[in-house]
Amino acid sequence: MNRSAAILLAIATALPIVYMFYFFTAFDSMNGQMTQEEMQAKFDLLFRLHLGTMALIGGLLIVYIVYLFRTEHVPKDKKALWAVVLFMGNILSMPVFWFLYVWKPLQRGGVAT
């Protein structure tokens, strides 16, 4: 993986975390002072964003699992562990995995495979 692809992967990995904070603030702002139409419009937007974010997380999970089993940077005895951690901890563990096994090999001058 080259540097630009790694940066794009990092941005895509950060989007679900950014959305999580947006969701909490937007949901909290849906108070009794909004009209029914405003509340419905905001709910529809949040629903669509939520579906998109879930699809993005599923796609990222596929990308990370495929990368995990194709790369030489993750020790063979830790690949199964990382697969479980990525599957169970997804948006929390993906940034850690990206930093350790995608970004660090690029910084050492190697090409992340």
Protein backbone atom coordinates (compact mmCIF):
# COMPACT_ATOMS: atom_id res chain seq x y z
CA MET A 1 0.00 0.00 0.00
CA ASN A 2 1.46 3.36 -0.95
CA ARG A 3 1.39 6.49 1.17
CA SER A 4 -1.62 8.12 -0.53
CA ALA A 5 -3.72 4.94 -0.22
CA ALA A 6 -2.73 4.70 3.46
CA ILE A 7 -3.82 8.30 4.05
CA LEU A 8 -7.15 7.68 2.30
CA LEU A 9 -7.62 4.59 4.45
CA ALA A 10 -6.89 6.67 7.56
CA ILE A 11 -9.49 9.25 6.56
CA ALA A 12 -12.07 6.53 5.91
CA THR A 13 -11.16 4.96 9.25
CA ALA A 14 -11.66 8.26 11.08
CA LEU A 15 -15.08 8.98 9.53
CA PRO A 16 -17.09 6.57 11.75
CA ILE A 17 -15.52 8.09 14.88
CA VAL A 18 -16.33 11.60 13.67
CA TYR A 19 -19.87 10.48 12.85
CA MET A 20 -20.29 9.01 16.34
CA PHE A 21 -19.64 12.42 17.91
CA TYR A 22 -21.92 14.12 15.37
CA PHE A 23 -24.67 11.58 16.10
CA PHE A 24 -24.55 12.17 19.85
CA THR A 25 -24.65 15.96 19.51
CA ALA A 26 -27.37 15.89 16.84
CA PHE A 27 -29.49 13.43 18.79
CA ASP A 28 -29.06 15.50 21.94
CA SER A 29 -30.20 18.63 20.11
CA MET A 30 -33.50 16.97 19.15
CA ASN A 31 -35.47 18.49 21.99
CA GLY A 32 -39.09 19.48 22.52
CA GLN A 33 -38.58 22.90 20.92
CA MET A 34 -38.43 21.47 17.40
CA THR A 35 -41.52 21.15 15.26
CA GLN A 36 -42.66 17.72 14.13
CA GLU A 37 -41.42 18.39 10.57
CA GLU A 38 -37.98 19.53 11.78
CA MET A 39 -37.69 16.51 14.03
CA GLN A 40 -38.67 14.15 11.20
CA ALA A 41 -36.22 15.78 8.78
CA LYS A 42 -33.37 15.52 11.29
CA PHE A 43 -34.25 11.92 12.09
CA ASP A 44 -34.32 11.03 8.38
CA LEU A 45 -30.88 12.59 7.91
CA LEU A 46 -29.46 10.75 10.93
CA PHE A 47 -30.99 7.48 9.75
CA ARG A 48 -29.39 7.76 6.30
CA LEU A 49 -26.04 8.82 7.73
CA HIS A 50 -26.21 5.91 10.17
CA LEU A 51 -26.86 3.40 7.38
CA GLY A 52 -24.00 4.87 5.35
CA THR A 53 -21.67 4.69 8.32
CA MET A 54 -22.59 1.07 8.98
CA ALA A 55 -21.87 0.24 5.33
CA LEU A 56 -18.55 2.08 5.57
CA ILE A 57 -17.60 0.13 8.71
CA GLY A 58 -18.46 -3.13 6.95
CA GLY A 59 -16.31 -2.16 3.97
CA LEU A 60 -13.44 -1.09 6.22
CA LEU A 61 -13.67 -4.37 8.09
CA ILE A 62 -13.31 -6.28 4.82
CA VAL A 63 -10.35 -4.12 3.74
CA TYR A 64 -8.56 -4.53 7.07
CA ILE A 65 -9.14 -8.30 7.30
CA VAL A 66 -7.90 -8.84 3.73
CA TYR A 67 -4.89 -6.60 4.39
CA LEU A 68 -4.22 -8.42 7.66
CA PHE A 69 -3.89 -11.83 6.03
CA ARG A 70 -1.94 -10.58 2.99
CA THR A 71 0.66 -8.44 4.75
CA GLU A 72 3.99 -9.60 6.10
CA HIS A 73 4.11 -6.84 8.73
CA VAL A 74 1.79 -8.60 11.17
CA PRO A 75 3.46 -11.59 12.87
CA LYS A 76 1.83 -14.88 11.85
CA ASP A 77 1.00 -15.81 15.43
CA LYS A 78 -0.93 -12.54 15.91
CA LYS A 79 -3.03 -12.59 12.74
CA ALA A 80 -5.94 -14.55 14.23
CA LEU A 81 -5.89 -12.35 17.33
CA TRP A 82 -5.97 -9.19 15.22
CA ALA A 83 -8.83 -10.61 13.13
CA VAL A 84 -10.92 -11.07 16.28
CA VAL A 85 -9.92 -7.66 17.65
CA LEU A 86 -10.78 -5.93 14.37
CA PHE A 87 -14.11 -7.75 14.13
CA MET A 88 -15.16 -7.13 17.74
CA GLY A 89 -13.65 -3.70 18.32
CA ASN A 90 -13.90 -2.32 14.78
CA ILE A 91 -13.97 1.51 15.04
CA LEU A 92 -11.82 1.46 18.17
CA SER A 93 -9.24 -1.05 16.96
CA MET A 94 -8.98 -0.04 13.29
CA PRO A 95 -7.03 3.19 13.98
CA VAL A 96 -4.59 1.26 16.18
CA PHE A 97 -4.11 -1.42 13.52
CA TRP A 98 -3.69 1.23 10.82
CA PHE A 99 -0.98 3.01 12.80
CA LEU A 100 0.93 -0.14 13.77
CA TYR A 101 0.75 -2.14 10.56
CA VAL A 102 -0.04 0.27 7.73
CA TRP A 103 1.59 3.57 8.65
CA LYS A 104 4.69 2.45 10.59
CA PRO A 105 6.00 0.18 7.80
CA LEU A 106 5.69 3.12 5.39
CA GLN A 107 7.63 5.34 7.79
CA ARG A 108 10.44 2.78 8.00
CA GLY A 109 10.87 3.09 4.26
CA GLY A 110 9.15 -0.13 3.37
CA VAL A 111 6.04 -0.59 1.33
CA ALA A 112 3.02 -1.80 3.25
CA THR A 113 1.75 -4.85 1.38
